[in-house]
Amino acid sequence: MKKKMMIVIACFILGLMLDASVFAKQGHESNDNPKMAIPATASEIFTAVDMRVKDLENIIAANTLEKVHVAAFEIRDLLLALPEKPNTLSEEGKKALKSSLRIIKQQAGLLDKYGDANDMAQTKAVFRKYKEEIEKIKKMPDLKP
């Protein structure tokens, strides 16, 4: 019994000494650019998103899929700021935006996953859907002040 207790205590102490990143799930959970400024208005956010979509297109075209997550997560983070910006969305519009943002988060994660796996076909397929969802959000008329 004492031996088991000593093993448990040793494992506990060892666990405390290990860096938390050892236990973090593999992948890139957040943007690698934590200091990215979020623009003040929806239209400025869309301009920044358009620039990063171009960056993402170039990353995919250059077959540097290990970098896909950077642009994908920047786009995601920019779009996630939209509900906090001035808008005149109806309740229905807010629900549609929330639904689209859920899809954006999901697809950003998939872009990270397939980019890390160097899976060009899946990366391109998800990127097409990602762009479609971005365009759907941009067409919401009450987002632009």
N, C-alpha and C. Protein backbone atom coordinates (compact mmCIF):
# COMPACT_ATOMS: atom_id res chain seq x y z
N MET A 1 0.82 -1.19 0.00
CA MET A 1 0.00 0.00 0.00
C MET A 1 0.86 1.26 0.00
N LYS A 2 1.93 1.24 0.81
CA LYS A 2 2.81 2.40 0.86
C LYS A 2 3.50 2.60 -0.49
N LYS A 3 3.82 1.49 -1.13
CA LYS A 3 4.49 1.57 -2.44
C LYS A 3 3.56 2.22 -3.46
N LYS A 4 2.31 1.83 -3.48
CA LYS A 4 1.34 2.43 -4.40
C LYS A 4 1.18 3.91 -4.12
N MET A 5 1.11 4.27 -2.86
CA MET A 5 0.94 5.67 -2.49
C MET A 5 2.15 6.48 -2.93
N MET A 6 3.33 5.93 -2.77
CA MET A 6 4.55 6.63 -3.19
C MET A 6 4.57 6.83 -4.71
N ILE A 7 4.11 5.83 -5.44
CA ILE A 7 4.06 5.93 -6.90
C ILE A 7 3.06 7.01 -7.31
N VAL A 8 1.92 7.04 -6.67
CA VAL A 8 0.90 8.05 -6.96
C VAL A 8 1.44 9.45 -6.67
N ILE A 9 2.10 9.61 -5.54
CA ILE A 9 2.67 10.92 -5.18
C ILE A 9 3.75 11.32 -6.17
N ALA A 10 4.60 10.37 -6.54
CA ALA A 10 5.68 10.66 -7.50
C ALA A 10 5.09 11.09 -8.85
N CYS A 11 4.06 10.39 -9.29
CA CYS A 11 3.42 10.75 -10.57
C CYS A 11 2.78 12.13 -10.48
N PHE A 12 2.17 12.42 -9.36
CA PHE A 12 1.54 13.72 -9.17
C PHE A 12 2.58 14.84 -9.22
N ILE A 13 3.68 14.65 -8.51
CA ILE A 13 4.74 15.66 -8.49
C ILE A 13 5.34 15.81 -9.88
N LEU A 14 5.58 14.71 -10.55
CA LEU A 14 6.12 14.76 -11.91
C LEU A 14 5.15 15.51 -12.83
N GLY A 15 3.88 15.26 -12.67
CA GLY A 15 2.87 15.95 -13.48
C GLY A 15 2.89 17.45 -13.25
N LEU A 16 3.11 17.86 -12.02
CA LEU A 16 3.19 19.29 -11.72
C LEU A 16 4.42 19.94 -12.34
N MET A 17 5.49 19.16 -12.46
CA MET A 17 6.73 19.71 -13.00
C MET A 17 6.72 19.81 -14.52
N LEU A 18 5.89 18.99 -15.17
CA LEU A 18 5.85 19.02 -16.62
C LEU A 18 5.17 20.29 -17.11
N ASP A 19 5.64 20.78 -18.21
CA ASP A 19 5.04 21.96 -18.83
C ASP A 19 3.63 21.61 -19.30
N ALA A 20 2.71 22.52 -19.16
CA ALA A 20 1.32 22.29 -19.56
C ALA A 20 1.20 21.98 -21.04
N SER A 21 2.15 22.43 -21.84
CA SER A 21 2.06 22.19 -23.27
C SER A 21 2.18 20.71 -23.62
N VAL A 22 2.77 19.92 -22.71
CA VAL A 22 2.86 18.48 -22.95
C VAL A 22 1.46 17.89 -23.03
N PHE A 23 0.55 18.46 -22.27
CA PHE A 23 -0.80 17.93 -22.22
C PHE A 23 -1.75 18.59 -23.22
N ALA A 24 -1.31 19.64 -23.84
CA ALA A 24 -2.16 20.33 -24.82
C ALA A 24 -2.36 19.44 -26.03
N LYS A 25 -3.54 19.52 -26.61
CA LYS A 25 -3.76 18.68 -27.78
C LYS A 25 -2.98 19.23 -28.96
N GLN A 26 -2.57 18.30 -29.79
CA GLN A 26 -1.74 18.68 -30.92
C GLN A 26 -2.52 19.59 -31.85
N GLY A 27 -1.81 20.49 -32.46
CA GLY A 27 -2.45 21.42 -33.38
C GLY A 27 -2.21 22.83 -32.94
N HIS A 28 -2.91 23.73 -33.53
CA HIS A 28 -2.73 25.15 -33.27
C HIS A 28 -4.07 25.70 -32.84
N GLU A 29 -4.27 25.72 -31.55
CA GLU A 29 -5.58 26.11 -31.03
C GLU A 29 -5.90 27.57 -31.23
N SER A 30 -4.90 28.39 -31.21
CA SER A 30 -5.18 29.81 -31.36
C SER A 30 -4.24 30.41 -32.38
N ASN A 31 -4.50 31.60 -32.70
CA ASN A 31 -3.72 32.33 -33.68
C ASN A 31 -2.28 32.45 -33.23
N ASP A 32 -1.33 32.26 -34.13
CA ASP A 32 0.09 32.43 -33.82
C ASP A 32 0.46 33.90 -33.71
N ASN A 33 -0.46 34.79 -34.00
CA ASN A 33 -0.21 36.22 -33.97
C ASN A 33 -1.16 36.85 -32.95
N PRO A 34 -0.87 36.67 -31.64
CA PRO A 34 -1.82 37.14 -30.64
C PRO A 34 -1.99 38.65 -30.60
N LYS A 35 -1.10 39.41 -31.24
CA LYS A 35 -1.19 40.86 -31.20
C LYS A 35 -1.91 41.43 -32.41
N MET A 36 -2.55 40.58 -33.20
CA MET A 36 -3.27 41.05 -34.37
C MET A 36 -4.38 42.00 -33.91
N ALA A 37 -4.38 43.17 -34.48
CA ALA A 37 -5.40 44.17 -34.12
C ALA A 37 -6.70 43.86 -34.84
N ILE A 38 -7.79 43.97 -34.12
CA ILE A 38 -9.11 43.78 -34.71
C ILE A 38 -9.62 45.16 -35.13
N PRO A 39 -9.95 45.32 -36.41
CA PRO A 39 -10.46 46.61 -36.88
C PRO A 39 -11.74 47.04 -36.15
N ALA A 40 -12.03 48.33 -36.25
CA ALA A 40 -13.14 48.92 -35.49
C ALA A 40 -14.51 48.67 -36.09
N THR A 41 -14.60 48.48 -37.41
CA THR A 41 -15.92 48.33 -38.04
C THR A 41 -15.98 47.03 -38.84
N ALA A 42 -17.20 46.64 -39.16
CA ALA A 42 -17.40 45.44 -39.97
C ALA A 42 -16.75 45.58 -41.34
N SER A 43 -16.87 46.73 -41.97
CA SER A 43 -16.28 46.88 -43.31
C SER A 43 -14.76 46.80 -43.25
N GLU A 44 -14.15 47.32 -42.18
CA GLU A 44 -12.70 47.20 -42.02
C GLU A 44 -12.30 45.75 -41.75
N ILE A 45 -13.14 45.04 -41.01
CA ILE A 45 -12.88 43.62 -40.77
C ILE A 45 -12.92 42.86 -42.09
N PHE A 46 -13.91 43.15 -42.93
CA PHE A 46 -14.01 42.47 -44.22
C PHE A 46 -12.81 42.76 -45.11
N THR A 47 -12.28 43.98 -45.06
CA THR A 47 -11.09 44.32 -45.83
C THR A 47 -9.90 43.48 -45.34
N ALA A 48 -9.75 43.38 -44.03
CA ALA A 48 -8.67 42.57 -43.46
C ALA A 48 -8.85 41.09 -43.79
N VAL A 49 -10.08 40.62 -43.76
CA VAL A 49 -10.37 39.22 -44.11
C VAL A 49 -10.00 38.96 -45.57
N ASP A 50 -10.37 39.87 -46.46
CA ASP A 50 -10.04 39.71 -47.89
C ASP A 50 -8.54 39.58 -48.09
N MET A 51 -7.77 40.39 -47.37
CA MET A 51 -6.31 40.32 -47.49
C MET A 51 -5.79 38.96 -47.03
N ARG A 52 -6.34 38.45 -45.96
CA ARG A 52 -5.88 37.17 -45.43
C ARG A 52 -6.36 36.00 -46.27
N VAL A 53 -7.51 36.14 -46.91
CA VAL A 53 -7.96 35.11 -47.85
C VAL A 53 -6.96 35.01 -49.00
N LYS A 54 -6.50 36.16 -49.49
CA LYS A 54 -5.47 36.16 -50.55
C LYS A 54 -4.20 35.49 -50.05
N ASP A 55 -3.81 35.80 -48.81
CA ASP A 55 -2.63 35.16 -48.22
C ASP A 55 -2.81 33.64 -48.18
N LEU A 56 -4.00 33.21 -47.78
CA LEU A 56 -4.28 31.78 -47.69
C LEU A 56 -4.25 31.13 -49.07
N GLU A 57 -4.79 31.81 -50.07
CA GLU A 57 -4.72 31.30 -51.44
C GLU A 57 -3.27 31.12 -51.87
N ASN A 58 -2.42 32.10 -51.55
CA ASN A 58 -1.00 32.03 -51.91
C ASN A 58 -0.28 30.92 -51.16
N ILE A 59 -0.61 30.72 -49.90
CA ILE A 59 -0.01 29.64 -49.11
C ILE A 59 -0.34 28.30 -49.74
N ILE A 60 -1.60 28.11 -50.12
CA ILE A 60 -2.02 26.85 -50.72
C ILE A 60 -1.37 26.68 -52.09
N ALA A 61 -1.34 27.74 -52.89
CA ALA A 61 -0.73 27.67 -54.22
C ALA A 61 0.76 27.35 -54.13
N ALA A 62 1.42 27.84 -53.09
CA ALA A 62 2.85 27.59 -52.91
C ALA A 62 3.12 26.24 -52.25
N ASN A 63 2.06 25.51 -51.92
CA ASN A 63 2.17 24.20 -51.30
C ASN A 63 2.93 24.26 -49.97
N THR A 64 2.71 25.33 -49.22
CA THR A 64 3.30 25.45 -47.88
C THR A 64 2.18 25.27 -46.86
N LEU A 65 1.62 24.08 -46.88
CA LEU A 65 0.41 23.81 -46.10
C LEU A 65 0.63 23.91 -44.59
N GLU A 66 1.88 23.78 -44.14
CA GLU A 66 2.13 23.90 -42.70
C GLU A 66 1.85 25.31 -42.19
N LYS A 67 1.68 26.27 -43.11
CA LYS A 67 1.40 27.66 -42.73
C LYS A 67 -0.09 28.02 -42.85
N VAL A 68 -0.89 27.08 -43.31
CA VAL A 68 -2.32 27.34 -43.54
C VAL A 68 -3.01 27.83 -42.28
N HIS A 69 -2.67 27.25 -41.14
CA HIS A 69 -3.36 27.59 -39.90
C HIS A 69 -3.24 29.07 -39.53
N VAL A 70 -2.12 29.69 -39.87
CA VAL A 70 -1.91 31.09 -39.48
C VAL A 70 -2.99 31.97 -40.11
N ALA A 71 -3.12 31.92 -41.42
CA ALA A 71 -4.12 32.75 -42.11
C ALA A 71 -5.54 32.30 -41.76
N ALA A 72 -5.76 30.99 -41.67
CA ALA A 72 -7.11 30.49 -41.37
C ALA A 72 -7.58 30.98 -40.00
N PHE A 73 -6.70 30.94 -39.02
CA PHE A 73 -7.08 31.38 -37.68
C PHE A 73 -7.18 32.90 -37.58
N GLU A 74 -6.38 33.62 -38.36
CA GLU A 74 -6.53 35.08 -38.37
C GLU A 74 -7.90 35.46 -38.95
N ILE A 75 -8.28 34.81 -40.03
CA ILE A 75 -9.60 35.06 -40.63
C ILE A 75 -10.69 34.74 -39.61
N ARG A 76 -10.58 33.58 -38.99
CA ARG A 76 -11.57 33.17 -37.98
C ARG A 76 -11.68 34.22 -36.88
N ASP A 77 -10.53 34.65 -36.35
CA ASP A 77 -10.54 35.61 -35.24
C ASP A 77 -11.14 36.95 -35.65
N LEU A 78 -10.85 37.37 -36.86
CA LEU A 78 -11.45 38.62 -37.36
C LEU A 78 -12.96 38.50 -37.44
N LEU A 79 -13.43 37.40 -38.02
CA LEU A 79 -14.87 37.22 -38.19
C LEU A 79 -15.59 37.04 -36.85
N LEU A 80 -14.92 36.41 -35.89
CA LEU A 80 -15.54 36.23 -34.58
C LEU A 80 -15.75 37.55 -33.85
N ALA A 81 -15.08 38.60 -34.29
CA ALA A 81 -15.26 39.92 -33.68
C ALA A 81 -16.49 40.65 -34.21
N LEU A 82 -17.08 40.15 -35.29
CA LEU A 82 -18.21 40.85 -35.91
C LEU A 82 -19.40 41.11 -34.98
N PRO A 83 -19.82 40.15 -34.17
CA PRO A 83 -21.00 40.41 -33.33
C PRO A 83 -20.81 41.59 -32.36
N GLU A 84 -19.56 41.91 -32.04
CA GLU A 84 -19.29 43.01 -31.11
C GLU A 84 -19.26 44.37 -31.79
N LYS A 85 -19.25 44.38 -33.11
CA LYS A 85 -19.16 45.64 -33.85
C LYS A 85 -20.56 46.20 -34.09
N PRO A 86 -20.65 47.52 -34.29
CA PRO A 86 -21.96 48.12 -34.54
C PRO A 86 -22.64 47.49 -35.76
N ASN A 87 -23.89 47.10 -35.59
CA ASN A 87 -24.66 46.53 -36.70
C ASN A 87 -26.14 46.70 -36.40
N THR A 88 -26.93 46.41 -37.39
CA THR A 88 -28.38 46.50 -37.21
C THR A 88 -29.03 45.15 -37.53
N LEU A 89 -28.35 44.08 -37.15
CA LEU A 89 -28.87 42.74 -37.43
C LEU A 89 -30.15 42.47 -36.65
N SER A 90 -31.10 41.88 -37.34
CA SER A 90 -32.33 41.42 -36.69
C SER A 90 -31.99 40.17 -35.87
N GLU A 91 -32.94 39.69 -35.11
CA GLU A 91 -32.72 38.46 -34.35
C GLU A 91 -32.40 37.31 -35.31
N GLU A 92 -33.11 37.27 -36.43
CA GLU A 92 -32.86 36.24 -37.43
C GLU A 92 -31.44 36.38 -38.01
N GLY A 93 -31.03 37.61 -38.26
CA GLY A 93 -29.68 37.88 -38.77
C GLY A 93 -28.61 37.48 -37.77
N LYS A 94 -28.87 37.74 -36.48
CA LYS A 94 -27.92 37.36 -35.44
C LYS A 94 -27.77 35.85 -35.37
N LYS A 95 -28.88 35.14 -35.52
CA LYS A 95 -28.84 33.67 -35.52
C LYS A 95 -28.06 33.16 -36.72
N ALA A 96 -28.29 33.77 -37.88
CA ALA A 96 -27.59 33.36 -39.10
C ALA A 96 -26.09 33.61 -38.96
N LEU A 97 -25.72 34.76 -38.39
CA LEU A 97 -24.31 35.07 -38.19
C LEU A 97 -23.68 34.09 -37.22
N LYS A 98 -24.37 33.80 -36.13
CA LYS A 98 -23.86 32.85 -35.14
C LYS A 98 -23.64 31.48 -35.77
N SER A 99 -24.57 31.05 -36.59
CA SER A 99 -24.45 29.77 -37.28
C SER A 99 -23.26 29.76 -38.24
N SER A 100 -23.11 30.84 -39.00
CA SER A 100 -21.98 30.94 -39.93
C SER A 100 -20.65 30.97 -39.20
N LEU A 101 -20.60 31.65 -38.07
CA LEU A 101 -19.35 31.72 -37.31
C LEU A 101 -18.99 30.36 -36.72
N ARG A 102 -19.99 29.58 -36.36
CA ARG A 102 -19.73 28.22 -35.89
C ARG A 102 -19.09 27.40 -37.02
N ILE A 103 -19.59 27.55 -38.22
CA ILE A 103 -19.03 26.85 -39.39
C ILE A 103 -17.61 27.34 -39.66
N ILE A 104 -17.38 28.64 -39.56
CA ILE A 104 -16.05 29.21 -39.78
C ILE A 104 -15.05 28.61 -38.78
N LYS A 105 -15.44 28.51 -37.51
CA LYS A 105 -14.54 27.93 -36.50
C LYS A 105 -14.21 26.48 -36.85
N GLN A 106 -15.23 25.75 -37.25
CA GLN A 106 -15.06 24.35 -37.61
C GLN A 106 -14.12 24.21 -38.81
N GLN A 107 -14.34 25.01 -39.82
CA GLN A 107 -13.53 24.92 -41.03
C GLN A 107 -12.10 25.39 -40.80
N ALA A 108 -11.89 26.38 -39.94
CA ALA A 108 -10.53 26.82 -39.62
C ALA A 108 -9.77 25.66 -38.96
N GLY A 109 -10.45 24.94 -38.09
CA GLY A 109 -9.84 23.77 -37.46
C GLY A 109 -9.50 22.69 -38.47
N LEU A 110 -10.39 22.48 -39.43
CA LEU A 110 -10.13 21.49 -40.48
C LEU A 110 -8.98 21.93 -41.38
N LEU A 111 -8.91 23.22 -41.70
CA LEU A 111 -7.78 23.71 -42.50
C LEU A 111 -6.47 23.46 -41.77
N ASP A 112 -6.46 23.69 -40.47
CA ASP A 112 -5.27 23.41 -39.66
C ASP A 112 -4.93 21.92 -39.73
N LYS A 113 -5.92 21.10 -39.51
CA LYS A 113 -5.71 19.64 -39.50
C LYS A 113 -5.17 19.14 -40.84
N TYR A 114 -5.82 19.52 -41.93
CA TYR A 114 -5.39 19.03 -43.24
C TYR A 114 -4.09 19.68 -43.70
N GLY A 115 -3.87 20.92 -43.30
CA GLY A 115 -2.60 21.57 -43.62
C GLY A 115 -1.45 20.87 -42.92
N ASP A 116 -1.62 20.56 -41.63
CA ASP A 116 -0.58 19.85 -40.88
C ASP A 116 -0.33 18.46 -41.45
N ALA A 117 -1.38 17.84 -41.98
CA ALA A 117 -1.25 16.51 -42.58
C ALA A 117 -0.71 16.58 -44.01
N ASN A 118 -0.51 17.81 -44.51
CA ASN A 118 -0.03 18.03 -45.88
C ASN A 118 -0.98 17.40 -46.91
N ASP A 119 -2.27 17.46 -46.62
CA ASP A 119 -3.29 16.89 -47.49
C ASP A 119 -3.86 18.01 -48.38
N MET A 120 -3.28 18.15 -49.55
CA MET A 120 -3.65 19.24 -50.46
C MET A 120 -5.11 19.15 -50.89
N ALA A 121 -5.57 17.96 -51.24
CA ALA A 121 -6.95 17.80 -51.74
C ALA A 121 -7.97 18.24 -50.69
N GLN A 122 -7.81 17.77 -49.46
CA GLN A 122 -8.75 18.13 -48.40
C GLN A 122 -8.63 19.61 -48.03
N THR A 123 -7.40 20.12 -48.04
CA THR A 123 -7.19 21.54 -47.73
C THR A 123 -7.92 22.40 -48.75
N LYS A 124 -7.78 22.07 -50.02
CA LYS A 124 -8.46 22.85 -51.07
C LYS A 124 -9.97 22.74 -50.94
N ALA A 125 -10.46 21.54 -50.64
CA ALA A 125 -11.91 21.34 -50.52
C ALA A 125 -12.49 22.16 -49.37
N VAL A 126 -11.82 22.13 -48.23
CA VAL A 126 -12.30 22.89 -47.08
C VAL A 126 -12.15 24.38 -47.34
N PHE A 127 -11.07 24.79 -48.00
CA PHE A 127 -10.85 26.21 -48.30
C PHE A 127 -11.97 26.75 -49.19
N ARG A 128 -12.42 25.95 -50.17
CA ARG A 128 -13.55 26.37 -51.02
C ARG A 128 -14.78 26.66 -50.16
N LYS A 129 -15.07 25.75 -49.25
CA LYS A 129 -16.24 25.93 -48.37
C LYS A 129 -16.03 27.11 -47.42
N TYR A 130 -14.81 27.28 -46.96
CA TYR A 130 -14.46 28.38 -46.07
C TYR A 130 -14.74 29.72 -46.75
N LYS A 131 -14.28 29.83 -48.00
CA LYS A 131 -14.51 31.06 -48.76
C LYS A 131 -16.00 31.29 -49.00
N GLU A 132 -16.75 30.23 -49.29
CA GLU A 132 -18.19 30.36 -49.50
C GLU A 132 -18.87 30.90 -48.24
N GLU A 133 -18.47 30.39 -47.09
CA GLU A 133 -19.07 30.84 -45.83
C GLU A 133 -18.69 32.30 -45.54
N ILE A 134 -17.46 32.66 -45.85
CA ILE A 134 -17.02 34.05 -45.68
C ILE A 134 -17.87 34.97 -46.55
N GLU A 135 -18.09 34.58 -47.80
CA GLU A 135 -18.91 35.39 -48.72
C GLU A 135 -20.34 35.50 -48.21
N LYS A 136 -20.85 34.42 -47.66
CA LYS A 136 -22.21 34.43 -47.10
C LYS A 136 -22.30 35.46 -45.97
N ILE A 137 -21.28 35.51 -45.12
CA ILE A 137 -21.26 36.48 -44.03
C ILE A 137 -21.17 37.90 -44.59
N LYS A 138 -20.31 38.08 -45.57
CA LYS A 138 -20.11 39.42 -46.14
C LYS A 138 -21.38 39.96 -46.80
N LYS A 139 -22.26 39.08 -47.24
CA LYS A 139 -23.50 39.50 -47.90
C LYS A 139 -24.62 39.84 -46.93
N MET A 140 -24.37 39.66 -45.64
CA MET A 140 -25.39 40.03 -44.65
C MET A 140 -25.46 41.55 -44.62
N PRO A 141 -26.55 42.13 -45.15
CA PRO A 141 -26.60 43.58 -45.35
C PRO A 141 -26.54 44.42 -44.08
N ASP A 142 -27.04 43.90 -43.00
CA ASP A 142 -27.12 44.71 -41.78
C ASP A 142 -25.84 44.69 -40.95
N LEU A 143 -24.78 44.05 -41.47
CA LEU A 143 -23.50 44.05 -40.77
C LEU A 143 -22.72 45.32 -41.02
N LYS A 144 -22.95 45.92 -42.17
CA LYS A 144 -22.17 47.10 -42.54
C LYS A 144 -22.82 48.36 -41.98
N PRO A 145 -22.07 49.12 -41.17
CA PRO A 145 -22.66 50.32 -40.56
C PRO A 145 -22.86 51.44 -41.57
